[in-house]
Amino acid sequence: MIMKKKINIQEVDFEVYLDNALKSCGYLFPETDEQISIFEKDMDQIPIPECLNSPDFVFKSQRRIIKKSLKVFDNSEGDMNWAIAARDGKDIPSDILEKMKQDKEEAKKRQNGN
């Protein structure tokens, strides 16, 4: 049976005692050799897979190609709401609509290289 040292909390500064206990148990980063050794005693050993026991796996492995993924977010409805708010809810005149269509077609032609 392991005997643990009992401490009278009234005689010791509680915050220092709590801080030391948290560091020894791994809830805070251990700072002293004593805290680290107490933490290591209670820590479970996690076995390393055989393939990772030697650093050679880094040099033998194939290069991995990471593909970028592009997520497109369609906010056309939100843009429409901002446009309505900018016009104070009024309709767009027909001549302006026609000009907008022409500009859009010209932009598509430039984008396609025509």
N, C-alpha and C. Protein backbone atom coordinates (compact mmCIF):
# COMPACT_ATOMS: atom_id res chain seq x y z
N MET A 1 0.84 -1.18 0.00
CA MET A 1 0.00 0.00 0.00
C MET A 1 0.89 1.25 0.00
N ILE A 2 0.58 2.17 -0.87
CA ILE A 2 1.37 3.40 -0.99
C ILE A 2 0.82 4.44 -0.03
N MET A 3 1.72 4.99 0.75
CA MET A 3 1.32 6.04 1.70
C MET A 3 1.55 7.39 1.02
N LYS A 4 0.55 8.19 1.00
CA LYS A 4 0.68 9.53 0.43
C LYS A 4 0.85 10.54 1.55
N LYS A 5 1.63 11.54 1.26
CA LYS A 5 1.90 12.59 2.23
C LYS A 5 0.64 13.43 2.41
N LYS A 6 0.17 13.55 3.63
CA LYS A 6 -1.00 14.38 3.92
C LYS A 6 -0.52 15.79 4.25
N ILE A 7 -1.24 16.75 3.72
CA ILE A 7 -0.87 18.15 3.93
C ILE A 7 -2.03 18.85 4.61
N ASN A 8 -1.70 19.63 5.62
CA ASN A 8 -2.70 20.43 6.31
C ASN A 8 -2.91 21.70 5.48
N ILE A 9 -4.07 21.80 4.83
CA ILE A 9 -4.35 22.90 3.91
C ILE A 9 -4.33 24.25 4.63
N GLN A 10 -4.69 24.28 5.90
CA GLN A 10 -4.71 25.56 6.62
C GLN A 10 -3.30 26.13 6.79
N GLU A 11 -2.30 25.26 6.84
CA GLU A 11 -0.93 25.74 7.04
C GLU A 11 -0.25 26.14 5.73
N VAL A 12 -0.77 25.65 4.62
CA VAL A 12 -0.15 25.90 3.32
C VAL A 12 -1.06 26.83 2.52
N ASP A 13 -0.45 27.64 1.69
CA ASP A 13 -1.22 28.51 0.81
C ASP A 13 -2.00 27.63 -0.17
N PHE A 14 -3.32 27.73 -0.13
CA PHE A 14 -4.18 26.84 -0.93
C PHE A 14 -3.93 27.00 -2.42
N GLU A 15 -3.74 28.22 -2.89
CA GLU A 15 -3.53 28.44 -4.33
C GLU A 15 -2.25 27.78 -4.81
N VAL A 16 -1.19 27.85 -4.01
CA VAL A 16 0.07 27.21 -4.38
C VAL A 16 -0.12 25.69 -4.42
N TYR A 17 -0.82 25.15 -3.42
CA TYR A 17 -1.09 23.71 -3.36
C TYR A 17 -1.91 23.26 -4.57
N LEU A 18 -2.96 24.01 -4.89
CA LEU A 18 -3.82 23.67 -6.03
C LEU A 18 -3.04 23.76 -7.34
N ASP A 19 -2.26 24.80 -7.49
CA ASP A 19 -1.45 24.98 -8.70
C ASP A 19 -0.49 23.80 -8.88
N ASN A 20 0.17 23.40 -7.82
CA ASN A 20 1.10 22.27 -7.86
C ASN A 20 0.36 20.98 -8.21
N ALA A 21 -0.82 20.79 -7.63
CA ALA A 21 -1.60 19.57 -7.90
C ALA A 21 -2.05 19.53 -9.36
N LEU A 22 -2.50 20.65 -9.89
CA LEU A 22 -2.95 20.69 -11.28
C LEU A 22 -1.79 20.43 -12.24
N LYS A 23 -0.62 20.95 -11.93
CA LYS A 23 0.55 20.72 -12.78
C LYS A 23 1.03 19.28 -12.68
N SER A 24 0.96 18.70 -11.49
CA SER A 24 1.40 17.32 -11.30
C SER A 24 0.47 16.33 -11.99
N CYS A 25 -0.81 16.67 -12.09
CA CYS A 25 -1.79 15.77 -12.72
C CYS A 25 -1.93 16.02 -14.22
N GLY A 26 -1.27 17.03 -14.74
CA GLY A 26 -1.31 17.28 -16.17
C GLY A 26 -2.41 18.20 -16.63
N TYR A 27 -3.14 18.81 -15.71
CA TYR A 27 -4.19 19.75 -16.10
C TYR A 27 -3.61 21.12 -16.45
N LEU A 28 -2.41 21.40 -15.94
CA LEU A 28 -1.60 22.55 -16.34
C LEU A 28 -0.24 22.01 -16.75
N PHE A 29 0.55 22.78 -17.48
CA PHE A 29 1.86 22.29 -17.89
C PHE A 29 2.78 22.18 -16.68
N PRO A 30 3.37 21.00 -16.46
CA PRO A 30 4.30 20.84 -15.33
C PRO A 30 5.54 21.70 -15.56
N GLU A 31 6.09 22.25 -14.46
CA GLU A 31 7.24 23.13 -14.57
C GLU A 31 8.48 22.58 -13.88
N THR A 32 8.31 21.86 -12.79
CA THR A 32 9.47 21.35 -12.06
C THR A 32 9.68 19.88 -12.37
N ASP A 33 10.88 19.38 -12.03
CA ASP A 33 11.18 17.97 -12.25
C ASP A 33 10.24 17.08 -11.43
N GLU A 34 9.92 17.51 -10.23
CA GLU A 34 9.02 16.72 -9.38
C GLU A 34 7.63 16.62 -10.01
N GLN A 35 7.11 17.73 -10.51
CA GLN A 35 5.79 17.71 -11.16
C GLN A 35 5.80 16.82 -12.40
N ILE A 36 6.88 16.88 -13.17
CA ILE A 36 6.98 16.05 -14.37
C ILE A 36 7.04 14.58 -14.00
N SER A 37 7.83 14.23 -12.98
CA SER A 37 7.95 12.82 -12.61
C SER A 37 6.62 12.28 -12.07
N ILE A 38 5.88 13.08 -11.32
CA ILE A 38 4.56 12.64 -10.83
C ILE A 38 3.61 12.46 -12.00
N PHE A 39 3.65 13.39 -12.94
CA PHE A 39 2.79 13.29 -14.12
C PHE A 39 3.12 12.05 -14.93
N GLU A 40 4.41 11.77 -15.13
CA GLU A 40 4.82 10.61 -15.94
C GLU A 40 4.45 9.29 -15.28
N LYS A 41 4.44 9.24 -13.95
CA LYS A 41 4.04 8.01 -13.25
C LYS A 41 2.59 7.66 -13.54
N ASP A 42 1.74 8.67 -13.55
CA ASP A 42 0.30 8.44 -13.74
C ASP A 42 -0.10 8.34 -15.21
N MET A 43 0.79 8.75 -16.11
CA MET A 43 0.45 8.78 -17.52
C MET A 43 0.52 7.37 -18.11
N ASP A 44 -0.48 7.02 -18.90
CA ASP A 44 -0.48 5.73 -19.58
C ASP A 44 0.49 5.78 -20.75
N GLN A 45 1.19 4.67 -20.95
CA GLN A 45 2.09 4.57 -22.08
C GLN A 45 1.30 4.16 -23.31
N ILE A 46 1.39 4.94 -24.35
CA ILE A 46 0.70 4.64 -25.60
C ILE A 46 1.71 3.98 -26.53
N PRO A 47 1.44 2.75 -26.95
CA PRO A 47 2.41 2.07 -27.82
C PRO A 47 2.47 2.72 -29.20
N ILE A 48 3.68 2.79 -29.72
CA ILE A 48 3.89 3.37 -31.05
C ILE A 48 3.81 2.24 -32.06
N PRO A 49 3.12 2.44 -33.17
CA PRO A 49 3.08 1.39 -34.20
C PRO A 49 4.48 1.08 -34.72
N GLU A 50 4.70 -0.16 -35.13
CA GLU A 50 6.01 -0.60 -35.60
C GLU A 50 6.55 0.28 -36.72
N CYS A 51 5.68 0.71 -37.62
CA CYS A 51 6.14 1.50 -38.77
C CYS A 51 6.67 2.87 -38.35
N LEU A 52 6.35 3.31 -37.14
CA LEU A 52 6.80 4.63 -36.68
C LEU A 52 7.98 4.56 -35.71
N ASN A 53 8.47 3.36 -35.41
CA ASN A 53 9.59 3.23 -34.47
C ASN A 53 10.88 3.81 -35.02
N SER A 54 11.02 3.84 -36.33
CA SER A 54 12.21 4.37 -36.96
C SER A 54 11.82 5.59 -37.81
N PRO A 55 12.70 6.60 -37.87
CA PRO A 55 12.36 7.77 -38.68
C PRO A 55 12.46 7.52 -40.18
N ASP A 56 12.86 6.30 -40.57
CA ASP A 56 13.00 6.00 -41.99
C ASP A 56 11.68 6.08 -42.74
N PHE A 57 10.57 5.94 -42.04
CA PHE A 57 9.27 5.95 -42.72
C PHE A 57 9.04 7.28 -43.45
N VAL A 58 9.68 8.34 -42.97
CA VAL A 58 9.52 9.65 -43.60
C VAL A 58 10.17 9.64 -44.98
N PHE A 59 11.35 9.04 -45.07
CA PHE A 59 12.10 9.06 -46.32
C PHE A 59 11.60 8.03 -47.32
N LYS A 60 10.97 6.98 -46.83
CA LYS A 60 10.47 5.92 -47.71
C LYS A 60 9.08 6.21 -48.24
N SER A 61 8.39 7.11 -47.62
CA SER A 61 7.00 7.34 -48.00
C SER A 61 6.90 8.08 -49.32
N GLN A 62 5.79 7.89 -49.98
CA GLN A 62 5.53 8.55 -51.25
C GLN A 62 5.13 10.00 -50.99
N ARG A 63 5.41 10.84 -51.94
CA ARG A 63 4.94 12.22 -51.82
C ARG A 63 3.44 12.25 -51.99
N ARG A 64 2.81 13.00 -51.17
CA ARG A 64 1.36 13.11 -51.25
C ARG A 64 1.00 14.43 -51.91
N ILE A 65 0.05 14.36 -52.80
CA ILE A 65 -0.42 15.56 -53.48
C ILE A 65 -1.73 15.97 -52.83
N ILE A 66 -1.75 17.17 -52.35
CA ILE A 66 -2.96 17.68 -51.70
C ILE A 66 -3.69 18.56 -52.70
N LYS A 67 -4.92 18.21 -52.95
CA LYS A 67 -5.72 18.98 -53.88
C LYS A 67 -6.50 20.05 -53.12
N LYS A 68 -6.49 21.23 -53.67
CA LYS A 68 -7.25 22.31 -53.06
C LYS A 68 -8.72 22.14 -53.43
N SER A 69 -9.54 22.35 -52.47
CA SER A 69 -10.98 22.29 -52.76
C SER A 69 -11.54 23.71 -52.64
N LEU A 70 -12.35 24.04 -53.57
CA LEU A 70 -12.94 25.37 -53.61
C LEU A 70 -14.43 25.24 -53.39
N LYS A 71 -14.91 25.86 -52.35
CA LYS A 71 -16.33 25.83 -52.07
C LYS A 71 -16.95 27.13 -52.57
N VAL A 72 -17.92 26.99 -53.42
CA VAL A 72 -18.58 28.16 -54.00
C VAL A 72 -19.83 28.46 -53.18
N PHE A 73 -19.94 29.69 -52.80
CA PHE A 73 -21.09 30.12 -52.01
C PHE A 73 -21.92 31.06 -52.87
N ASP A 74 -23.16 30.68 -53.11
CA ASP A 74 -24.05 31.50 -53.94
C ASP A 74 -24.81 32.47 -53.04
N ASN A 75 -24.48 33.74 -53.16
CA ASN A 75 -25.13 34.76 -52.35
C ASN A 75 -25.93 35.71 -53.23
N SER A 76 -26.43 35.19 -54.35
CA SER A 76 -27.15 36.07 -55.28
C SER A 76 -28.42 36.63 -54.64
N GLU A 77 -29.07 35.82 -53.80
CA GLU A 77 -30.28 36.31 -53.15
C GLU A 77 -29.95 37.44 -52.18
N GLY A 78 -28.86 37.30 -51.45
CA GLY A 78 -28.44 38.35 -50.53
C GLY A 78 -28.04 39.61 -51.27
N ASP A 79 -27.35 39.44 -52.40
CA ASP A 79 -26.97 40.60 -53.21
C ASP A 79 -28.21 41.31 -53.74
N MET A 80 -29.22 40.53 -54.10
CA MET A 80 -30.47 41.11 -54.60
C MET A 80 -31.12 41.95 -53.50
N ASN A 81 -31.10 41.45 -52.27
CA ASN A 81 -31.69 42.20 -51.16
C ASN A 81 -30.95 43.51 -50.92
N TRP A 82 -29.62 43.48 -51.02
CA TRP A 82 -28.85 44.71 -50.85
C TRP A 82 -29.17 45.70 -51.97
N ALA A 83 -29.33 45.18 -53.18
CA ALA A 83 -29.64 46.05 -54.32
C ALA A 83 -31.00 46.71 -54.13
N ILE A 84 -31.97 45.96 -53.65
CA ILE A 84 -33.31 46.52 -53.39
C ILE A 84 -33.22 47.59 -52.30
N ALA A 85 -32.45 47.32 -51.27
CA ALA A 85 -32.31 48.29 -50.19
C ALA A 85 -31.63 49.56 -50.68
N ALA A 86 -30.68 49.41 -51.59
CA ALA A 86 -29.98 50.58 -52.12
C ALA A 86 -30.90 51.45 -52.96
N ARG A 87 -31.90 50.82 -53.58
CA ARG A 87 -32.86 51.58 -54.40
C ARG A 87 -34.07 52.02 -53.58
N ASP A 88 -34.06 51.79 -52.32
CA ASP A 88 -35.20 52.10 -51.44
C ASP A 88 -36.45 51.36 -51.89
N GLY A 89 -36.28 50.15 -52.43
CA GLY A 89 -37.42 49.32 -52.83
C GLY A 89 -38.01 49.66 -54.17
N LYS A 90 -37.45 50.63 -54.87
CA LYS A 90 -38.00 51.03 -56.17
C LYS A 90 -37.51 50.08 -57.26
N ASP A 91 -38.28 49.99 -58.36
CA ASP A 91 -37.89 49.16 -59.50
C ASP A 91 -36.79 49.84 -60.30
N ILE A 92 -36.03 49.01 -61.04
CA ILE A 92 -34.97 49.53 -61.90
C ILE A 92 -35.61 49.93 -63.23
N PRO A 93 -35.32 51.13 -63.72
CA PRO A 93 -35.86 51.56 -65.02
C PRO A 93 -35.41 50.61 -66.14
N SER A 94 -36.23 50.50 -67.19
CA SER A 94 -35.97 49.55 -68.27
C SER A 94 -34.68 49.87 -69.02
N ASP A 95 -34.36 51.16 -69.20
CA ASP A 95 -33.12 51.49 -69.91
C ASP A 95 -31.88 51.06 -69.12
N ILE A 96 -31.95 51.14 -67.81
CA ILE A 96 -30.84 50.69 -66.95
C ILE A 96 -30.73 49.17 -67.02
N LEU A 97 -31.87 48.47 -67.00
CA LEU A 97 -31.86 47.01 -67.11
C LEU A 97 -31.22 46.57 -68.43
N GLU A 98 -31.55 47.26 -69.51
CA GLU A 98 -30.99 46.94 -70.83
C GLU A 98 -29.47 47.15 -70.83
N LYS A 99 -29.02 48.25 -70.23
CA LYS A 99 -27.59 48.54 -70.14
C LYS A 99 -26.88 47.47 -69.30
N MET A 100 -27.51 47.03 -68.23
CA MET A 100 -26.92 45.99 -67.38
C MET A 100 -26.77 44.68 -68.16
N LYS A 101 -27.77 44.32 -68.96
CA LYS A 101 -27.71 43.10 -69.77
C LYS A 101 -26.57 43.19 -70.79
N GLN A 102 -26.42 44.35 -71.43
CA GLN A 102 -25.35 44.54 -72.41
C GLN A 102 -23.98 44.41 -71.74
N ASP A 103 -23.83 45.04 -70.59
CA ASP A 103 -22.56 44.97 -69.86
C ASP A 103 -22.23 43.53 -69.47
N LYS A 104 -23.24 42.78 -69.06
CA LYS A 104 -23.04 41.39 -68.66
C LYS A 104 -22.60 40.55 -69.86
N GLU A 105 -23.24 40.76 -71.01
CA GLU A 105 -22.87 40.02 -72.23
C GLU A 105 -21.46 40.36 -72.67
N GLU A 106 -21.08 41.63 -72.60
CA GLU A 106 -19.73 42.04 -72.97
C GLU A 106 -18.69 41.43 -72.03
N ALA A 107 -19.00 41.36 -70.76
CA ALA A 107 -18.09 40.77 -69.79
C ALA A 107 -17.90 39.28 -70.07
N LYS A 108 -18.98 38.58 -70.44
CA LYS A 108 -18.88 37.16 -70.77
C LYS A 108 -18.02 36.96 -72.01
N LYS A 109 -18.18 37.84 -73.02
CA LYS A 109 -17.38 37.74 -74.24
C LYS A 109 -15.90 37.94 -73.93
N ARG A 110 -15.59 38.93 -73.10
CA ARG A 110 -14.19 39.19 -72.72
C ARG A 110 -13.61 38.02 -71.94
N GLN A 111 -14.44 37.41 -71.11
CA GLN A 111 -13.98 36.29 -70.29
C GLN A 111 -13.68 35.07 -71.16
N ASN A 112 -14.48 34.87 -72.20
CA ASN A 112 -14.28 33.73 -73.10
C ASN A 112 -13.20 34.00 -74.14
N GLY A 113 -12.67 35.20 -74.18
CA GLY A 113 -11.60 35.54 -75.11
C GLY A 113 -12.06 35.95 -76.48
N ASN A 114 -13.29 36.34 -76.63
CA ASN A 114 -13.83 36.77 -77.93
C ASN A 114 -13.77 38.27 -78.07
